[in-house]
């Protein structure tokens, strides 16, 4: 028998498996850029949503410390002393204006 015909017959007789639909398939994940978060433009952000490119000072206050916090460098800030930016999950604390001591 020809190999192609044999392969077609074997594939036709093989049952097809379907994956179950994920519970989170319809969920939309939102994120807020660090600059917009600091300016107060992300008013509808909820606990568990992502803060993206946030500076260290705000990451200490607003990141959930029980989940991963990713550290990266912002290419636009290579000349500055503190170029590190963080991506993390928002902990749900209300945003407040920071004041130095």
Protein backbone atom coordinates (compact mmCIF):
# COMPACT_ATOMS: atom_id res chain seq x y z
CA UNK A 1 0.00 0.00 0.00
CA UNK A 2 1.25 3.49 -0.71
CA UNK A 3 2.46 5.42 2.36
CA UNK A 4 0.26 8.45 1.61
CA UNK A 5 -2.90 6.36 1.36
CA UNK A 6 -1.99 4.53 4.56
CA UNK A 7 -1.47 7.84 6.38
CA UNK A 8 -4.84 9.21 5.17
CA UNK A 9 -6.68 6.09 6.34
CA UNK A 10 -4.98 6.11 9.75
CA UNK A 11 -5.73 9.82 10.28
CA UNK A 12 -9.36 9.37 9.25
CA UNK A 13 -9.85 6.64 11.85
CA UNK A 14 -8.12 8.55 14.67
CA UNK A 15 -10.48 10.27 17.14
CA UNK A 16 -10.09 14.05 17.50
CA UNK A 17 -9.41 15.55 20.94
CA UNK A 18 -10.73 18.97 21.91
CA UNK A 19 -9.37 21.17 24.69
CA UNK A 20 -11.75 22.49 27.32
CA UNK A 21 -12.48 26.19 27.34
CA UNK A 22 -10.48 28.08 29.96
CA UNK A 23 -12.37 29.92 32.71
CA UNK A 24 -10.26 33.04 32.04
CA UNK A 25 -10.68 32.97 28.27
CA UNK A 26 -13.20 35.82 28.25
CA UNK A 27 -11.41 37.91 30.90
CA UNK A 28 -9.60 41.06 29.81
CA UNK A 29 -6.39 41.95 31.64
CA UNK A 30 -5.76 45.67 32.08
CA UNK A 31 -2.51 47.42 32.86
CA UNK A 32 -1.52 50.94 33.81
CA UNK A 33 1.66 52.65 32.71
CA UNK A 34 3.74 53.99 35.62
CA UNK A 35 3.67 57.61 34.44
CA UNK A 36 -0.11 57.55 34.02
CA UNK A 37 -0.51 55.90 37.43
CA UNK A 38 1.55 58.59 39.16
CA UNK A 39 -0.48 61.35 37.43
CA UNK A 40 -3.72 59.72 38.66
CA UNK A 41 -5.01 58.83 35.20
CA UNK A 42 -5.69 55.16 36.05
CA UNK A 43 -8.62 55.72 38.40
CA UNK A 44 -10.41 52.46 37.56
CA UNK A 45 -7.46 50.17 38.24
CA UNK A 46 -8.36 47.27 40.51
CA UNK A 47 -6.39 45.00 42.79
CA UNK A 48 -4.54 42.33 40.81
CA UNK A 49 -4.21 44.34 37.60
CA UNK A 50 -0.76 45.17 36.24
CA UNK A 51 1.37 48.23 36.93
CA UNK A 52 3.86 48.61 34.09
CA UNK A 53 7.13 50.59 34.10
CA UNK A 54 6.62 51.95 37.61
CA UNK A 55 9.52 53.51 39.53
CA UNK A 56 11.04 51.95 42.65
CA UNK A 57 9.46 54.36 45.14
CA UNK A 58 5.93 53.63 43.89
CA UNK A 59 6.67 49.92 43.47
CA UNK A 60 7.39 49.66 47.21
CA UNK A 61 4.00 51.14 48.02
CA UNK A 62 1.66 49.84 45.31
CA UNK A 63 3.03 46.42 44.24
CA UNK A 64 1.66 43.21 45.71
CA UNK A 65 4.65 41.71 47.50
CA UNK A 66 3.16 38.20 47.50
CA UNK A 67 3.45 37.96 43.71
CA UNK A 68 6.39 38.38 41.30
CA UNK A 69 7.84 41.85 40.74
CA UNK A 70 9.83 42.14 37.51
CA UNK A 71 12.70 44.61 37.26
CA UNK A 72 13.87 46.12 33.99
CA UNK A 73 15.54 49.23 32.62
CA UNK A 74 13.74 51.87 30.63
CA UNK A 75 15.87 52.67 27.55
CA UNK A 76 14.63 56.25 27.59
CA UNK A 77 16.17 56.80 31.04
CA UNK A 78 19.69 55.40 30.61
CA UNK A 79 21.25 58.76 31.47
CA UNK A 80 19.40 59.05 34.76
CA UNK A 81 20.65 57.58 38.02
CA UNK A 82 17.49 55.55 38.72
CA UNK A 83 16.65 53.93 35.37
CA UNK A 84 15.13 50.79 36.91
CA UNK A 85 11.44 50.26 36.23
CA UNK A 86 9.21 47.57 37.68
CA UNK A 87 6.22 45.58 36.47
CA UNK A 88 3.98 44.08 39.12
CA UNK A 89 0.43 43.39 40.24
CA UNK A 90 -1.41 46.28 41.93
CA UNK A 91 -2.12 45.66 45.63
CA UNK A 92 -5.29 47.79 45.74
CA UNK A 93 -4.02 50.62 47.98
CA UNK A 94 -5.44 54.02 47.17
CA UNK A 95 -2.99 56.27 45.34
CA UNK A 96 -1.76 59.20 47.41
CA UNK A 97 0.57 62.07 46.68
CA UNK A 98 4.06 61.37 48.02
CA UNK A 99 5.83 63.98 50.14
CA UNK A 100 9.40 63.90 51.34
CA UNK A 101 10.29 64.20 55.03
